[in-house]
N, C-alpha and C. Protein backbone atom coordinates (compact mmCIF):
# COMPACT_ATOMS: atom_id res chain seq x y z
N MET A 1 -0.74 -55.34 -3.16
CA MET A 1 -0.96 -54.71 -4.19
C MET A 1 -1.45 -53.17 -4.06
N ASP A 2 -2.55 -53.21 -3.01
CA ASP A 2 -3.13 -52.11 -2.48
C ASP A 2 -2.22 -51.19 -1.91
N ILE A 3 -1.47 -51.61 -1.27
CA ILE A 3 -0.56 -50.58 -0.31
C ILE A 3 0.67 -50.05 -1.11
N LEU A 4 1.17 -50.89 -2.33
CA LEU A 4 1.99 -50.06 -3.03
C LEU A 4 1.41 -49.05 -4.10
N PHE A 5 0.17 -49.38 -4.27
CA PHE A 5 -0.63 -48.00 -5.11
C PHE A 5 -0.51 -46.82 -4.16
N VAL A 6 -0.91 -47.16 -2.82
CA VAL A 6 -1.21 -46.00 -1.88
C VAL A 6 0.16 -45.22 -1.46
N ILE A 7 1.23 -46.05 -1.40
CA ILE A 7 2.78 -45.80 -1.36
C ILE A 7 3.08 -44.57 -2.53
N ILE A 8 2.64 -45.17 -3.71
CA ILE A 8 2.90 -44.34 -4.95
C ILE A 8 2.07 -43.07 -5.06
N VAL A 9 0.97 -43.25 -4.74
CA VAL A 9 0.06 -41.99 -4.73
C VAL A 9 0.67 -40.84 -3.88
N ILE A 10 0.86 -41.42 -2.45
CA ILE A 10 1.31 -40.62 -1.27
C ILE A 10 2.68 -39.77 -2.04
N PHE A 11 3.59 -40.64 -2.53
CA PHE A 11 4.98 -40.35 -3.02
C PHE A 11 4.63 -39.24 -4.10
N GLY A 12 3.51 -39.49 -4.99
CA GLY A 12 3.56 -38.54 -6.16
C GLY A 12 2.77 -37.32 -5.54
N ILE A 13 2.08 -37.20 -4.55
CA ILE A 13 1.48 -35.95 -3.91
C ILE A 13 2.61 -35.48 -3.35
N ALA A 14 3.59 -35.98 -2.55
CA ALA A 14 4.55 -35.32 -1.94
C ALA A 14 5.88 -34.64 -2.87
N LEU A 15 5.62 -35.41 -3.85
CA LEU A 15 6.76 -34.70 -5.10
C LEU A 15 6.12 -33.39 -5.49
N VAL A 16 4.81 -33.69 -5.81
CA VAL A 16 4.22 -32.41 -6.28
C VAL A 16 4.26 -31.28 -5.43
N LEU A 17 3.95 -31.64 -4.33
CA LEU A 17 4.19 -30.54 -3.01
C LEU A 17 5.59 -29.86 -3.04
N VAL A 18 6.09 -30.55 -3.24
CA VAL A 18 7.91 -30.15 -3.16
C VAL A 18 8.05 -29.50 -4.29
N LEU A 19 7.59 -29.73 -5.38
CA LEU A 19 8.05 -28.90 -6.71
C LEU A 19 7.45 -27.26 -6.72
N VAL A 20 5.97 -27.71 -6.35
CA VAL A 20 5.19 -26.17 -5.89
C VAL A 20 6.17 -25.39 -5.14
N PHE A 21 6.39 -25.98 -4.01
CA PHE A 21 6.94 -25.10 -2.80
C PHE A 21 8.48 -24.72 -3.31
N GLY A 22 9.11 -25.46 -4.13
CA GLY A 22 10.38 -25.13 -4.23
C GLY A 22 10.33 -24.07 -5.48
N GLY A 23 9.31 -24.26 -6.33
CA GLY A 23 9.07 -23.06 -7.49
C GLY A 23 8.76 -21.59 -6.85
N TRP A 24 8.00 -22.02 -5.59
CA TRP A 24 7.77 -20.69 -4.90
C TRP A 24 9.10 -19.96 -4.33
N ILE A 25 9.82 -20.80 -3.80
CA ILE A 25 10.94 -20.35 -3.00
C ILE A 25 12.02 -19.61 -4.16
N ILE A 26 12.11 -20.06 -5.45
CA ILE A 26 13.07 -19.70 -6.29
C ILE A 26 12.49 -18.34 -6.83
N VAL A 27 11.20 -18.25 -6.99
CA VAL A 27 10.55 -17.02 -7.51
C VAL A 27 10.40 -16.02 -6.50
N SER A 28 10.65 -16.41 -5.21
CA SER A 28 10.55 -15.41 -4.21
C SER A 28 12.13 -14.97 -4.01
N VAL A 29 13.04 -15.66 -4.29
CA VAL A 29 14.52 -15.41 -4.12
C VAL A 29 15.00 -14.32 -5.38
N VAL A 30 14.50 -14.67 -6.51
CA VAL A 30 14.64 -14.04 -7.92
C VAL A 30 14.23 -12.46 -7.65
N ARG A 31 12.93 -12.75 -7.06
CA ARG A 31 12.19 -11.31 -6.89
C ARG A 31 13.10 -10.47 -6.24
N LEU A 32 13.57 -11.18 -4.68
CA LEU A 32 14.25 -10.29 -3.69
C LEU A 32 15.45 -9.61 -4.43
N ILE A 33 16.10 -10.53 -4.90
CA ILE A 33 17.46 -10.16 -6.06
C ILE A 33 17.00 -9.11 -6.89
N ALA A 34 16.32 -8.91 -7.48
CA ALA A 34 15.78 -8.11 -8.42
C ALA A 34 15.47 -6.61 -7.75
N ARG A 35 14.86 -6.64 -6.48
CA ARG A 35 14.33 -5.76 -5.88
C ARG A 35 15.46 -5.13 -5.08
N ALA A 36 16.77 -5.82 -4.85
CA ALA A 36 17.85 -5.30 -4.25
C ALA A 36 18.98 -4.58 -5.39
N LEU A 37 18.82 -5.24 -6.49
CA LEU A 37 19.45 -4.60 -7.65
C LEU A 37 18.80 -3.21 -8.29
N HIS A 38 17.46 -3.22 -8.08
CA HIS A 38 16.76 -2.10 -8.27
C HIS A 38 16.90 -0.98 -7.47
N GLY A 39 17.66 -1.15 -6.18
CA GLY A 39 17.75 -0.37 -5.17
C GLY A 39 16.29 -0.07 -4.35
N GLY A 40 15.54 -0.87 -4.09
CA GLY A 40 14.52 -1.16 -3.45
C GLY A 40 13.12 -0.65 -3.92
N ARG A 41 13.47 0.21 -5.35
CA ARG A 41 12.33 0.69 -5.97
C ARG A 41 11.49 -0.53 -6.83
N SER A 42 10.22 -0.35 -6.60
CA SER A 42 9.30 -1.26 -7.42
C SER A 42 9.16 -0.66 -8.81
N SER A 43 8.92 -1.82 -9.84
CA SER A 43 8.44 -1.39 -11.31
C SER A 43 7.18 -0.88 -11.29
N ALA A 44 6.49 -1.14 -10.32
CA ALA A 44 4.81 -1.08 -10.27
C ALA A 44 4.53 0.38 -10.70
N LEU A 45 3.27 0.67 -11.14
CA LEU A 45 3.24 2.09 -11.44
C LEU A 45 3.04 2.82 -10.04
N PRO A 46 3.03 4.14 -9.93
CA PRO A 46 3.09 4.98 -8.86
C PRO A 46 1.70 4.71 -8.09
N PRO A 47 1.72 5.01 -6.63
CA PRO A 47 0.31 5.02 -6.29
C PRO A 47 -0.55 6.14 -6.81
N PRO A 48 -1.93 6.01 -6.68
CA PRO A 48 -2.74 7.20 -7.27
C PRO A 48 -2.53 8.17 -6.53
N PRO A 49 -2.96 9.58 -6.54
CA PRO A 49 -2.89 10.79 -5.61
C PRO A 49 -3.64 10.59 -4.71
N ARG A 50 -3.51 10.81 -3.52
CA ARG A 50 -4.39 10.78 -2.28
C ARG A 50 -5.41 11.85 -2.32
N ASN A 51 -6.77 11.45 -2.30
CA ASN A 51 -7.72 12.45 -2.22
C ASN A 51 -8.63 12.09 -0.85
N PHE A 52 -7.54 12.64 0.35
CA PHE A 52 -8.00 12.53 1.66
C PHE A 52 -7.90 14.08 2.19
N VAL A 53 -8.68 14.41 3.25
CA VAL A 53 -8.71 15.34 4.05
C VAL A 53 -8.32 14.99 5.17
N ARG A 54 -7.37 15.99 6.03
CA ARG A 54 -7.31 15.65 7.33
C ARG A 54 -7.88 16.32 8.13
N CYS A 55 -8.50 15.91 9.11
CA CYS A 55 -9.14 16.47 10.20
C CYS A 55 -8.56 17.42 11.21
N GLY A 56 -9.04 18.62 11.28
CA GLY A 56 -8.51 19.55 11.85
C GLY A 56 -8.47 19.54 13.36
N HIS A 57 -8.99 18.70 14.09
CA HIS A 57 -9.07 18.60 15.37
C HIS A 57 -7.63 18.07 15.91
N PRO A 58 -6.77 18.68 16.85
CA PRO A 58 -5.48 18.63 16.94
C PRO A 58 -5.32 17.24 17.59
N ARG A 59 -6.15 16.53 18.33
CA ARG A 59 -5.66 14.99 18.81
C ARG A 59 -6.34 14.10 17.78
N CYS A 60 -7.14 14.65 16.76
CA CYS A 60 -7.47 13.51 15.73
C CYS A 60 -6.47 13.40 14.81
N ARG A 61 -6.73 14.31 13.95
CA ARG A 61 -5.84 14.30 12.67
C ARG A 61 -6.07 13.10 11.80
N ALA A 62 -7.12 12.42 11.55
CA ALA A 62 -7.70 11.40 10.82
C ALA A 62 -7.58 11.78 9.72
N GLU A 63 -7.02 10.83 8.69
CA GLU A 63 -7.49 11.35 7.25
C GLU A 63 -8.83 10.60 6.77
N ASN A 64 -9.72 11.48 6.35
CA ASN A 64 -10.64 10.94 5.48
C ASN A 64 -10.98 11.23 4.24
N PRO A 65 -12.25 10.64 3.37
CA PRO A 65 -12.08 10.87 2.06
C PRO A 65 -12.52 11.93 1.73
N SER A 66 -11.94 12.91 0.60
CA SER A 66 -11.97 14.19 0.36
C SER A 66 -13.78 14.73 0.26
N GLY A 67 -14.56 13.57 -0.08
CA GLY A 67 -16.13 14.24 0.24
C GLY A 67 -16.73 14.19 1.23
N ALA A 68 -16.05 13.86 2.31
CA ALA A 68 -16.54 13.57 3.60
C ALA A 68 -16.74 15.11 4.31
N ARG A 69 -18.24 15.11 5.13
CA ARG A 69 -18.44 16.07 5.72
C ARG A 69 -18.23 15.92 7.50
N PHE A 70 -17.90 15.17 7.72
CA PHE A 70 -17.43 14.54 9.05
C PHE A 70 -16.16 13.80 9.33
N CYS A 71 -15.53 14.08 10.23
CA CYS A 71 -14.73 12.79 10.47
C CYS A 71 -14.81 11.63 11.04
N ARG A 72 -14.33 10.52 10.36
CA ARG A 72 -14.81 9.12 10.49
C ARG A 72 -14.29 8.66 11.97
N ARG A 73 -13.26 9.27 12.49
CA ARG A 73 -12.90 8.95 14.01
C ARG A 73 -13.53 9.76 14.95
N CYS A 74 -13.37 11.04 14.70
CA CYS A 74 -13.79 11.82 16.02
C CYS A 74 -15.11 12.64 15.72
N GLY A 75 -15.78 12.29 14.58
CA GLY A 75 -17.36 13.22 14.31
C GLY A 75 -17.27 14.51 14.15
N LYS A 76 -16.00 15.43 14.17
CA LYS A 76 -16.18 16.95 14.07
C LYS A 76 -16.11 17.06 12.66
N MET A 77 -17.09 18.20 12.42
CA MET A 77 -17.52 18.55 11.15
C MET A 77 -16.01 18.98 10.34
N LEU A 78 -15.81 18.80 9.04
CA LEU A 78 -14.39 18.74 8.62
C LEU A 78 -14.76 20.24 7.75
N ARG A 79 -13.58 21.07 7.70
CA ARG A 79 -13.72 22.39 6.89
C ARG A 79 -13.86 22.20 5.63
N VAL A 80 -14.51 22.50 4.89
CA VAL A 80 -14.63 22.40 3.53
C VAL A 80 -14.07 23.63 2.88
N ALA A 81 -13.26 23.44 2.00
CA ALA A 81 -12.54 24.48 1.27
C ALA A 81 -13.30 24.95 0.55
N ASP A 82 -13.30 26.22 0.33
CA ASP A 82 -14.10 27.00 -0.56
C ASP A 82 -13.84 26.90 -2.13
N THR A 83 -14.86 26.30 -2.83
CA THR A 83 -14.51 26.25 -4.13
C THR A 83 -15.28 27.19 -5.32
N VAL A 84 -14.27 27.32 -5.99
CA VAL A 84 -14.86 28.35 -6.90
C VAL A 84 -15.30 27.72 -8.27
N VAL A 85 -16.82 27.85 -8.57
CA VAL A 85 -17.22 26.97 -9.77
C VAL A 85 -16.77 27.83 -11.12
N VAL A 86 -15.95 27.25 -11.87
CA VAL A 86 -15.42 27.81 -13.03
C VAL A 86 -15.98 27.33 -14.47
N ARG A 87 -16.79 28.29 -14.97
CA ARG A 87 -17.65 27.86 -16.21
C ARG A 87 -16.61 28.07 -17.38
N LYS A 88 -16.64 27.00 -18.28
CA LYS A 88 -15.98 27.03 -19.30
C LYS A 88 -16.60 27.30 -20.45
N VAL A 89 -16.41 28.35 -21.61
CA VAL A 89 -17.41 28.35 -22.74
C VAL A 89 -16.28 28.40 -24.11
N ALA A 90 -16.98 27.98 -25.00
CA ALA A 90 -16.25 28.17 -26.30
C ALA A 90 -16.20 29.59 -26.77
N MET A 91 -14.74 29.74 -27.17
CA MET A 91 -14.78 30.97 -27.73
C MET A 91 -14.14 31.00 -29.13
N TRP A 92 -14.97 31.81 -29.94
CA TRP A 92 -14.72 31.73 -31.37
C TRP A 92 -13.73 33.00 -32.20
């Protein structure tokens, strides 16, 4: 009686795993077909604008965050663009 219960439990676990894996395969195939029909374009939002500064050293050329003063890869000082402070006032 105990062996029959163990076999039923193992069979149940195997059945659940097959259903989960089969569902995953079906969803993956449907997504692949949808991607092929859309021409490879994703329906997700476009990537956010890149806020990076490229290192000016010819051998490095690493991308660094826009607020960085030094390159993360080579340690050279990054050129900071001259920014003009614009003051906005209300005009009546």
